[in-house]
Amino acid sequence: MDIAQAVIAKNRRTFIGGSDARKIMNGDWRELYLEKVGEVEPEDLSGVFRVQLGLRTENFHAEWFTKTEGMEVKIETQMRHHPEHNWMCANLDRWIPSKRTFLEMKHSANGVNVADKARYYMAQLQHYMAVTGVDYCYFSVIRGNDDPVVVTVDRDDEYIAQLIRMEKSFWWHVENNVPPDIPPLGLLEKAEKMVESIKVDSMRVADMTASNSWSELASKILEHADAAKIYDDAKDELRKLVEDDVSEAYGHGVTAKRDKRGRITIRPTKEK
């Protein structure tokens, strides 16, 4: 670790940042505590390719956001502090003056679901919203080498209240130099469940466990899942039997019809 990294690591011991919030809500209290009191060094990420790739593409990522979304962004040189809890801080990727909110950027693997990624980083995003006082933020992800996908994430005051409660509890251990034993797993699980209801691009995840109708229909799907696969596989094999110059084929109660685009539909034969 060079001198600059050592200074950053030392400064990080004096506050809880966004990545710390995620560790706290994931229950990684012991590891984070040891870092904050200086007993262990933070993980050296200088040799982690995906992390360094994200850092090196950050400026271009921000420029592309402005190009495609039409919103100017700026780099903030000063760390922000929560108005009531000075130990809650935010180093924002970018600030969007016209929207009075921030942009968080990530570089991830190809094919990831951006809404799922936003929920993975929800503690960090809500921590930043708590510090800045904004009602929503922008979250942009480069998936592999694909164009960035941008979503909005809503502020959730109920989750933030639980987040601050957990952060305050953790910070007490740091301030009093008392190693945490077991984190409050029940409360952390409750907060994790709350993440589902936070809206990403105005959409939420719904738990339908309490729905009797859902339960009945889900049982039917599970009961007939194997039969459904056999049904779909049989249709695929039938399509292969329809030669290229055949517009309609029928027999044994089943009809295959080709549309103008060449797609073949398999249905039971209608009685005439």
C-alpha atoms as a PDB file:
ATOM      1  CA  MET A   1       0.000   0.000   0.000  1.00  0.00           C
ATOM      2  CA  ASP A   2       1.539   3.379  -1.043  1.00  0.00           C
ATOM      3  CA  ILE A   3       1.451   6.607   0.990  1.00  0.00           C
ATOM      4  CA  ALA A   4      -1.653   7.986  -0.753  1.00  0.00           C
ATOM      5  CA  GLN A   5      -3.569   4.766  -0.152  1.00  0.00           C
ATOM      6  CA  ALA A   6      -2.459   4.753   3.495  1.00  0.00           C
ATOM      7  CA  VAL A   7      -3.776   8.301   3.976  1.00  0.00           C
ATOM      8  CA  ILE A   8      -7.134   7.358   2.395  1.00  0.00           C
ATOM      9  CA  ALA A   9      -7.358   4.247   4.578  1.00  0.00           C
ATOM     10  CA  LYS A  10      -6.637   6.300   7.705  1.00  0.00           C
ATOM     11  CA  ASN A  11      -9.267   8.892   6.791  1.00  0.00           C
ATOM     12  CA  ARG A  12     -11.862   6.178   6.194  1.00  0.00           C
ATOM     13  CA  ARG A  13     -11.571   5.191   9.841  1.00  0.00           C
ATOM     14  CA  THR A  14     -13.263   8.444  10.861  1.00  0.00           C
ATOM     15  CA  PHE A  15     -16.592   7.966   9.099  1.00  0.00           C
ATOM     16  CA  ILE A  16     -19.090   5.513   7.585  1.00  0.00           C
ATOM     17  CA  GLY A  17     -19.257   5.717   3.808  1.00  0.00           C
ATOM     18  CA  GLY A  18     -21.476   4.105   1.216  1.00  0.00           C
ATOM     19  CA  SER A  19     -19.460   0.911   0.836  1.00  0.00           C
ATOM     20  CA  ASP A  20     -19.317   0.657   4.643  1.00  0.00           C
ATOM     21  CA  ALA A  21     -23.111   0.912   4.774  1.00  0.00           C
ATOM     22  CA  ARG A  22     -23.389  -2.092   2.470  1.00  0.00           C
ATOM     23  CA  LYS A  23     -21.032  -4.108   4.694  1.00  0.00           C
ATOM     24  CA  ILE A  24     -23.012  -3.149   7.803  1.00  0.00           C
ATOM     25  CA  MET A  25     -26.321  -4.187   6.239  1.00  0.00           C
ATOM     26  CA  ASN A  26     -24.714  -7.429   5.028  1.00  0.00           C
ATOM     27  CA  GLY A  27     -23.714  -8.266   8.597  1.00  0.00           C
ATOM     28  CA  ASP A  28     -19.941  -7.929   8.037  1.00  0.00           C
ATOM     29  CA  TRP A  29     -19.490  -6.020  11.292  1.00  0.00           C
ATOM     30  CA  ARG A  30     -16.436  -7.759  12.685  1.00  0.00           C
ATOM     31  CA  GLU A  31     -14.327  -7.274   9.566  1.00  0.00           C
ATOM     32  CA  LEU A  32     -15.368  -3.634   9.161  1.00  0.00           C
ATOM     33  CA  TYR A  33     -14.788  -2.905  12.859  1.00  0.00           C
ATOM     34  CA  LEU A  34     -11.204  -4.154  12.651  1.00  0.00           C
ATOM     35  CA  GLU A  35     -10.632  -1.847   9.682  1.00  0.00           C
ATOM     36  CA  LYS A  36     -12.146   1.183  11.422  1.00  0.00           C
ATOM     37  CA  VAL A  37     -10.042   0.794  14.579  1.00  0.00           C
ATOM     38  CA  GLY A  38      -6.898   0.185  12.530  1.00  0.00           C
ATOM     39  CA  GLU A  39      -6.252  -3.393  13.567  1.00  0.00           C
ATOM     40  CA  VAL A  40      -6.299  -4.632   9.954  1.00  0.00           C
ATOM     41  CA  GLU A  41      -5.705  -2.862   6.669  1.00  0.00           C
ATOM     42  CA  PRO A  42      -8.592  -2.530   4.208  1.00  0.00           C
ATOM     43  CA  GLU A  43      -8.513  -4.906   1.269  1.00  0.00           C
ATOM     44  CA  ASP A  44      -6.013  -3.747  -1.351  1.00  0.00           C
ATOM     45  CA  LEU A  45      -8.054  -3.393  -4.535  1.00  0.00           C
ATOM     46  CA  SER A  46      -5.217  -2.123  -6.722  1.00  0.00           C
ATOM     47  CA  GLY A  47      -4.804  -5.618  -8.173  1.00  0.00           C
ATOM     48  CA  VAL A  48      -8.501  -6.337  -8.702  1.00  0.00           C
ATOM     49  CA  PHE A  49      -9.108  -5.880 -12.426  1.00  0.00           C
ATOM     50  CA  ARG A  50     -12.858  -5.261 -12.335  1.00  0.00           C
ATOM     51  CA  VAL A  51     -12.443  -2.558  -9.683  1.00  0.00           C
ATOM     52  CA  GLN A  52      -9.660  -0.805 -11.564  1.00  0.00           C
ATOM     53  CA  LEU A  53     -11.614  -1.088 -14.825  1.00  0.00           C
ATOM     54  CA  GLY A  54     -14.541   0.711 -13.199  1.00  0.00           C
ATOM     55  CA  LEU A  55     -12.257   3.481 -11.943  1.00  0.00           C
ATOM     56  CA  ARG A  56     -10.615   3.961 -15.319  1.00  0.00           C
ATOM     57  CA  THR A  57     -13.894   4.089 -17.221  1.00  0.00           C
ATOM     58  CA  GLU A  58     -15.630   6.394 -14.732  1.00  0.00           C
ATOM     59  CA  ASN A  59     -14.951   9.657 -16.582  1.00  0.00           C
ATOM     60  CA  PHE A  60     -16.065   8.208 -19.901  1.00  0.00           C
ATOM     61  CA  HIS A  61     -19.097   6.654 -18.202  1.00  0.00           C
ATOM     62  CA  ALA A  62     -20.097  10.057 -16.833  1.00  0.00           C
ATOM     63  CA  GLU A  63     -19.540  11.741 -20.212  1.00  0.00           C
ATOM     64  CA  TRP A  64     -21.715   9.115 -21.898  1.00  0.00           C
ATOM     65  CA  PHE A  65     -24.464   9.688 -19.319  1.00  0.00           C
ATOM     66  CA  THR A  66     -24.478  13.394 -20.230  1.00  0.00           C
ATOM     67  CA  LYS A  67     -24.453  12.568 -23.953  1.00  0.00           C
ATOM     68  CA  THR A  68     -27.354  10.096 -23.832  1.00  0.00           C
ATOM     69  CA  GLU A  69     -29.452  11.471 -20.972  1.00  0.00           C
ATOM     70  CA  GLY A  70     -28.894  15.166 -21.676  1.00  0.00           C
ATOM     71  CA  MET A  71     -27.921  16.035 -18.108  1.00  0.00           C
ATOM     72  CA  GLU A  72     -24.662  17.734 -17.187  1.00  0.00           C
ATOM     73  CA  VAL A  73     -22.779  16.263 -14.232  1.00  0.00           C
ATOM     74  CA  LYS A  74     -19.979  17.571 -12.054  1.00  0.00           C
ATOM     75  CA  ILE A  75     -17.288  16.069  -9.863  1.00  0.00           C
ATOM     76  CA  GLU A  76     -17.554  16.965  -6.189  1.00  0.00           C
ATOM     77  CA  THR A  77     -14.225  17.631  -4.489  1.00  0.00           C
ATOM     78  CA  GLN A  78     -15.656  17.812  -0.986  1.00  0.00           C
ATOM     79  CA  MET A  79     -17.062  14.875   0.948  1.00  0.00           C
ATOM     80  CA  ARG A  80     -20.637  15.411   2.144  1.00  0.00           C
ATOM     81  CA  HIS A  81     -21.735  14.861   5.755  1.00  0.00           C
ATOM     82  CA  HIS A  82     -25.160  14.001   7.128  1.00  0.00           C
ATOM     83  CA  PRO A  83     -26.736  17.099   8.753  1.00  0.00           C
ATOM     84  CA  GLU A  84     -27.323  15.275  12.069  1.00  0.00           C
ATOM     85  CA  HIS A  85     -24.851  12.384  12.077  1.00  0.00           C
ATOM     86  CA  ASN A  86     -21.478  13.825  11.129  1.00  0.00           C
ATOM     87  CA  TRP A  87     -19.933  10.350  10.880  1.00  0.00           C
ATOM     88  CA  MET A  88     -22.262   9.500   7.964  1.00  0.00           C
ATOM     89  CA  CYS A  89     -20.482  10.643   4.797  1.00  0.00           C
ATOM     90  CA  ALA A  90     -20.782  10.388   1.039  1.00  0.00           C
ATOM     91  CA  ASN A  91     -18.170  10.515  -1.695  1.00  0.00           C
ATOM     92  CA  LEU A  92     -20.467  10.831  -4.697  1.00  0.00           C
ATOM     93  CA  ASP A  93     -19.478   9.653  -8.170  1.00  0.00           C
ATOM     94  CA  ARG A  94     -21.147  12.681  -9.768  1.00  0.00           C
ATOM     95  CA  TRP A  95     -23.679  15.387  -8.903  1.00  0.00           C
ATOM     96  CA  ILE A  96     -26.422  16.396 -11.369  1.00  0.00           C
ATOM     97  CA  PRO A  97     -27.110  20.113 -10.722  1.00  0.00           C
ATOM     98  CA  SER A  98     -30.235  20.327 -12.915  1.00  0.00           C
ATOM     99  CA  LYS A  99     -31.899  17.471 -11.016  1.00  0.00           C
ATOM    100  CA  ARG A 100     -30.371  18.243  -7.607  1.00  0.00           C
ATOM    101  CA  THR A 101     -29.442  14.625  -7.104  1.00  0.00           C
ATOM    102  CA  PHE A 102     -26.501  12.305  -7.723  1.00  0.00           C
ATOM    103  CA  LEU A 103     -25.365   9.688 -10.213  1.00  0.00           C
ATOM    104  CA  GLU A 104     -23.849   6.398  -9.025  1.00  0.00           C
ATOM    105  CA  MET A 105     -21.952   4.403 -11.665  1.00  0.00           C
ATOM    106  CA  LYS A 106     -20.870   0.768 -11.753  1.00  0.00           C
ATOM    107  CA  HIS A 107     -19.085  -1.469 -14.262  1.00  0.00           C
ATOM    108  CA  SER A 108     -20.396  -5.011 -14.049  1.00  0.00           C
ATOM    109  CA  ALA A 109     -20.430  -8.340 -15.845  1.00  0.00           C
ATOM    110  CA  ASN A 110     -22.331  -8.709 -19.087  1.00  0.00           C
ATOM    111  CA  GLY A 111     -25.996  -9.663 -18.880  1.00  0.00           C
ATOM    112  CA  VAL A 112     -26.730  -8.592 -15.300  1.00  0.00           C
ATOM    113  CA  ASN A 113     -30.173  -7.237 -14.455  1.00  0.00           C
ATOM    114  CA  VAL A 114     -29.664  -3.560 -13.601  1.00  0.00           C
ATOM    115  CA  ALA A 115     -32.644  -3.422 -11.234  1.00  0.00           C
ATOM    116  CA  ASP A 116     -31.210  -6.395  -9.327  1.00  0.00           C
ATOM    117  CA  LYS A 117     -27.827  -4.640  -9.278  1.00  0.00           C
ATOM    118  CA  ALA A 118     -29.443  -1.519  -7.842  1.00  0.00           C
ATOM    119  CA  ARG A 119     -30.980  -3.594  -5.056  1.00  0.00           C
ATOM    120  CA  TYR A 120     -27.593  -5.222  -4.404  1.00  0.00           C
ATOM    121  CA  TYR A 121     -26.176  -1.732  -3.787  1.00  0.00           C
ATOM    122  CA  MET A 122     -29.335  -0.416  -2.097  1.00  0.00           C
ATOM    123  CA  ALA A 123     -27.696   0.238   1.287  1.00  0.00           C
ATOM    124  CA  GLN A 124     -25.059   2.387  -0.404  1.00  0.00           C
ATOM    125  CA  LEU A 125     -27.614   4.296  -2.494  1.00  0.00           C
ATOM    126  CA  GLN A 126     -29.974   4.930   0.433  1.00  0.00           C
ATOM    127  CA  HIS A 127     -26.996   5.956   2.604  1.00  0.00           C
ATOM    128  CA  TYR A 128     -26.089   8.583  -0.001  1.00  0.00           C
ATOM    129  CA  MET A 129     -29.709   9.743  -0.214  1.00  0.00           C
ATOM    130  CA  ALA A 130     -29.816  10.072   3.572  1.00  0.00           C
ATOM    131  CA  VAL A 131     -26.652  12.195   3.554  1.00  0.00           C
ATOM    132  CA  THR A 132     -27.683  14.405   0.626  1.00  0.00           C
ATOM    133  CA  GLY A 133     -31.397  14.634   1.456  1.00  0.00           C
ATOM    134  CA  VAL A 134     -32.521  13.819  -2.098  1.00  0.00           C
ATOM    135  CA  ASP A 135     -35.710  11.958  -3.015  1.00  0.00           C
ATOM    136  CA  TYR A 136     -34.201   9.735  -5.712  1.00  0.00           C
ATOM    137  CA  CYS A 137     -30.958   9.095  -7.566  1.00  0.00           C
ATOM    138  CA  TYR A 138     -29.685   7.835 -10.914  1.00  0.00           C
ATOM    139  CA  PHE A 139     -27.897   4.492 -11.111  1.00  0.00           C
ATOM    140  CA  SER A 140     -25.975   3.604 -14.271  1.00  0.00           C
ATOM    141  CA  VAL A 141     -24.320   0.276 -15.074  1.00  0.00           C
ATOM    142  CA  ILE A 142     -21.978  -0.692 -17.903  1.00  0.00           C
ATOM    143  CA  ARG A 143     -22.570  -4.394 -18.488  1.00  0.00           C
ATOM    144  CA  GLY A 144     -19.415  -5.854 -20.006  1.00  0.00           C
ATOM    145  CA  ASN A 145     -18.859  -3.700 -23.105  1.00  0.00           C
ATOM    146  CA  ASP A 146     -22.541  -2.918 -23.715  1.00  0.00           C
ATOM    147  CA  ASP A 147     -24.001   0.589 -23.567  1.00  0.00           C
ATOM    148  CA  PRO A 148     -24.739   1.759 -20.017  1.00  0.00           C
ATOM    149  CA  VAL A 149     -28.234   1.120 -18.662  1.00  0.00           C
ATOM    150  CA  VAL A 150     -29.636   3.891 -16.455  1.00  0.00           C
ATOM    151  CA  VAL A 151     -32.392   3.527 -13.856  1.00  0.00           C
ATOM    152  CA  THR A 152     -33.770   5.744 -11.114  1.00  0.00           C
ATOM    153  CA  VAL A 153     -33.936   4.583  -7.505  1.00  0.00           C
ATOM    154  CA  ASP A 154     -36.465   6.080  -5.076  1.00  0.00           C
ATOM    155  CA  ARG A 155     -35.659   7.167  -1.543  1.00  0.00           C
ATOM    156  CA  ASP A 156     -37.262   5.010   1.153  1.00  0.00           C
ATOM    157  CA  ASP A 157     -37.470   6.707   4.552  1.00  0.00           C
ATOM    158  CA  GLU A 158     -38.489   3.533   6.381  1.00  0.00           C
ATOM    159  CA  TYR A 159     -35.439   1.720   5.096  1.00  0.00           C
ATOM    160  CA  ILE A 160     -33.211   4.732   5.817  1.00  0.00           C
ATOM    161  CA  ALA A 161     -34.454   4.807   9.419  1.00  0.00           C
ATOM    162  CA  GLN A 162     -33.451   1.162   9.801  1.00  0.00           C
ATOM    163  CA  LEU A 163     -30.152   1.841   8.039  1.00  0.00           C
ATOM    164  CA  ILE A 164     -29.253   4.697  10.377  1.00  0.00           C
ATOM    165  CA  ARG A 165     -30.247   2.579  13.353  1.00  0.00           C
ATOM    166  CA  MET A 166     -27.830  -0.152  12.257  1.00  0.00           C
ATOM    167  CA  GLU A 167     -25.052   2.309  11.435  1.00  0.00           C
ATOM    168  CA  LYS A 168     -25.406   4.034  14.817  1.00  0.00           C
ATOM    169  CA  SER A 169     -25.250   0.685  16.573  1.00  0.00           C
ATOM    170  CA  PHE A 170     -22.108  -0.281  14.654  1.00  0.00           C
ATOM    171  CA  TRP A 171     -20.459   3.118  15.158  1.00  0.00           C
ATOM    172  CA  TRP A 172     -20.953   2.826  18.920  1.00  0.00           C
ATOM    173  CA  HIS A 173     -18.618  -0.164  18.859  1.00  0.00           C
ATOM    174  CA  VAL A 174     -16.005   1.862  16.962  1.00  0.00           C
ATOM    175  CA  GLU A 175     -16.237   4.924  19.211  1.00  0.00           C
ATOM    176  CA  ASN A 176     -16.046   2.834  22.380  1.00  0.00           C
ATOM    177  CA  ASN A 177     -13.467   0.386  21.033  1.00  0.00           C
ATOM    178  CA  VAL A 178     -15.746  -2.567  21.812  1.00  0.00           C
ATOM    179  CA  PRO A 179     -15.551  -5.390  19.236  1.00  0.00           C
ATOM    180  CA  PRO A 180     -19.029  -6.372  17.993  1.00  0.00           C
ATOM    181  CA  ASP A 181     -20.008  -9.916  18.900  1.00  0.00           C
ATOM    182  CA  ILE A 182     -22.969 -10.952  16.753  1.00  0.00           C
ATOM    183  CA  PRO A 183     -24.734  -8.357  14.565  1.00  0.00           C
ATOM    184  CA  PRO A 184     -28.523  -8.018  14.958  1.00  0.00           C
ATOM    185  CA  LEU A 185     -29.328 -10.587  12.297  1.00  0.00           C
ATOM    186  CA  GLY A 186     -33.098 -10.366  12.755  1.00  0.00           C
ATOM    187  CA  LEU A 187     -33.140  -6.627  12.115  1.00  0.00           C
ATOM    188  CA  LEU A 188     -30.755  -6.988   9.189  1.00  0.00           C
ATOM    189  CA  GLU A 189     -32.986  -9.647   7.613  1.00  0.00           C
ATOM    190  CA  LYS A 190     -35.981  -7.366   8.072  1.00  0.00           C
ATOM    191  CA  ALA A 191     -34.127  -4.535   6.335  1.00  0.00           C
ATOM    192  CA  GLU A 192     -33.069  -6.851   3.507  1.00  0.00           C
ATOM    193  CA  LYS A 193     -36.715  -7.762   2.960  1.00  0.00           C
ATOM    194  CA  MET A 194     -37.610  -4.061   2.834  1.00  0.00           C
ATOM    195  CA  VAL A 195     -35.329  -3.601  -0.178  1.00  0.00           C
ATOM    196  CA  GLU A 196     -37.837  -5.478  -2.348  1.00  0.00           C
ATOM    197  CA  SER A 197     -40.459  -2.756  -1.964  1.00  0.00           C
ATOM    198  CA  ILE A 198     -38.109   0.113  -2.890  1.00  0.00           C
ATOM    199  CA  LYS A 199     -38.952   1.250  -6.402  1.00  0.00           C
ATOM    200  CA  VAL A 200     -36.384   1.065  -9.175  1.00  0.00           C
ATOM    201  CA  ASP A 201     -37.646   2.832 -12.311  1.00  0.00           C
ATOM    202  CA  SER A 202     -41.019   3.041 -10.531  1.00  0.00           C
ATOM    203  CA  MET A 203     -41.203  -0.751 -10.181  1.00  0.00           C
ATOM    204  CA  ARG A 204     -40.981  -2.904  -7.050  1.00  0.00           C
ATOM    205  CA  VAL A 205     -40.645  -6.586  -6.207  1.00  0.00           C
ATOM    206  CA  ALA A 206     -43.804  -8.149  -4.723  1.00  0.00           C
ATOM    207  CA  ASP A 207     -43.914 -11.005  -2.216  1.00  0.00           C
ATOM    208  CA  MET A 208     -47.050 -13.007  -3.063  1.00  0.00           C
ATOM    209  CA  THR A 209     -46.649 -15.571  -0.274  1.00  0.00           C
ATOM    210  CA  ALA A 210     -49.841 -14.394   1.444  1.00  0.00           C
ATOM    211  CA  SER A 211     -51.980 -14.672  -1.718  1.00  0.00           C
ATOM    212  CA  ASN A 212     -54.176 -17.786  -1.805  1.00  0.00           C
ATOM    213  CA  SER A 213     -54.830 -17.376  -5.534  1.00  0.00           C
ATOM    214  CA  TRP A 214     -51.110 -17.187  -6.238  1.00  0.00           C
ATOM    215  CA  SER A 215     -50.548 -20.272  -4.085  1.00  0.00           C
ATOM    216  CA  GLU A 216     -53.154 -22.310  -5.984  1.00  0.00           C
ATOM    217  CA  LEU A 217     -51.866 -21.319  -9.410  1.00  0.00           C
ATOM    218  CA  ALA A 218     -48.226 -21.774  -8.405  1.00  0.00           C
ATOM    219  CA  SER A 219     -49.042 -25.308  -7.231  1.00  0.00           C
ATOM    220  CA  LYS A 220     -50.533 -26.116 -10.633  1.00  0.00           C
ATOM    221  CA  ILE A 221     -47.447 -24.794 -12.407  1.00  0.00           C
ATOM    222  CA  LEU A 222     -45.122 -26.857 -10.242  1.00  0.00           C
ATOM    223  CA  GLU A 223     -47.333 -29.927 -10.567  1.00  0.00           C
ATOM    224  CA  HIS A 224     -47.358 -29.774 -14.364  1.00  0.00           C
ATOM    225  CA  ALA A 225     -43.880 -28.345 -14.980  1.00  0.00           C
ATOM    226  CA  ASP A 226     -42.492 -31.622 -16.352  1.00  0.00           C
ATOM    227  CA  ALA A 227     -45.504 -32.106 -18.609  1.00  0.00           C
ATOM    228  CA  ALA A 228     -45.145 -28.534 -19.884  1.00  0.00           C
ATOM    229  CA  LYS A 229     -41.524 -29.172 -20.839  1.00  0.00           C
ATOM    230  CA  ILE A 230     -42.493 -32.326 -22.690  1.00  0.00           C
ATOM    231  CA  TYR A 231     -45.218 -30.329 -24.473  1.00  0.00           C
ATOM    232  CA  ASP A 232     -42.780 -27.558 -25.521  1.00  0.00           C
ATOM    233  CA  ASP A 233     -40.119 -30.042 -26.629  1.00  0.00           C
ATOM    234  CA  ALA A 234     -42.665 -31.927 -28.734  1.00  0.00           C
ATOM    235  CA  LYS A 235     -43.725 -28.696 -30.468  1.00  0.00           C
ATOM    236  CA  ASP A 236     -40.089 -27.905 -31.283  1.00  0.00           C
ATOM    237  CA  GLU A 237     -39.618 -31.339 -32.810  1.00  0.00           C
ATOM    238  CA  LEU A 238     -42.844 -31.015 -34.840  1.00  0.00           C
ATOM    239  CA  ARG A 239     -41.634 -27.710 -36.291  1.00  0.00           C
ATOM    240  CA  LYS A 240     -38.521 -29.463 -37.565  1.00  0.00           C
ATOM    241  CA  LEU A 241     -40.735 -31.909 -39.492  1.00  0.00           C
ATOM    242  CA  VAL A 242     -42.433 -29.102 -41.424  1.00  0.00           C
ATOM    243  CA  GLU A 243     -40.495 -28.740 -44.670  1.00  0.00           C
ATOM    244  CA  ASP A 244     -39.578 -25.275 -45.970  1.00  0.00           C
ATOM    245  CA  ASP A 245     -42.191 -25.272 -48.770  1.00  0.00           C
ATOM    246  CA  VAL A 246     -45.081 -26.315 -46.492  1.00  0.00           C
ATOM    247  CA  SER A 247     -47.458 -23.598 -45.263  1.00  0.00           C
ATOM    248  CA  GLU A 248     -49.676 -25.964 -43.262  1.00  0.00           C
ATOM    249  CA  ALA A 249     -49.237 -29.513 -41.986  1.00  0.00           C
ATOM    250  CA  TYR A 250     -51.745 -31.577 -40.024  1.00  0.00           C
ATOM    251  CA  GLY A 251     -52.370 -35.054 -38.699  1.00  0.00           C
ATOM    252  CA  HIS A 252     -53.332 -37.000 -35.576  1.00  0.00           C
ATOM    253  CA  GLY A 253     -55.215 -34.051 -34.084  1.00  0.00           C
ATOM    254  CA  VAL A 254     -52.424 -31.473 -34.445  1.00  0.00           C
ATOM    255  CA  THR A 255     -51.988 -28.661 -37.013  1.00  0.00           C
ATOM    256  CA  ALA A 256     -48.854 -26.624 -37.797  1.00  0.00           C
ATOM    257  CA  LYS A 257     -49.269 -23.312 -39.669  1.00  0.00           C
ATOM    258  CA  ARG A 258     -46.542 -21.057 -41.040  1.00  0.00           C
ATOM    259  CA  ASP A 259     -47.152 -17.269 -40.986  1.00  0.00           C
ATOM    260  CA  LYS A 260     -45.779 -14.699 -43.443  1.00  0.00           C
ATOM    261  CA  ARG A 261     -42.636 -14.279 -41.347  1.00  0.00           C
ATOM    262  CA  GLY A 262     -41.944 -17.987 -41.442  1.00  0.00           C
ATOM    263  CA  ARG A 263     -42.870 -18.678 -37.821  1.00  0.00           C
ATOM    264  CA  ILE A 264     -44.638 -21.994 -37.248  1.00  0.00           C
ATOM    265  CA  THR A 265     -47.504 -22.236 -34.756  1.00  0.00           C
ATOM    266  CA  ILE A 266     -48.558 -25.622 -33.369  1.00  0.00           C
ATOM    267  CA  ARG A 267     -52.158 -26.045 -32.205  1.00  0.00           C
ATOM    268  CA  PRO A 268     -54.723 -28.823 -31.741  1.00  0.00           C
ATOM    269  CA  THR A 269     -56.658 -29.299 -34.989  1.00  0.00           C
ATOM    270  CA  LYS A 270     -60.073 -27.597 -34.945  1.00  0.00           C
ATOM    271  CA  GLU A 271     -62.971 -29.858 -35.715  1.00  0.00           C
ATOM    272  CA  LYS A 272     -64.802 -28.834 -38.872  1.00  0.00           C
END
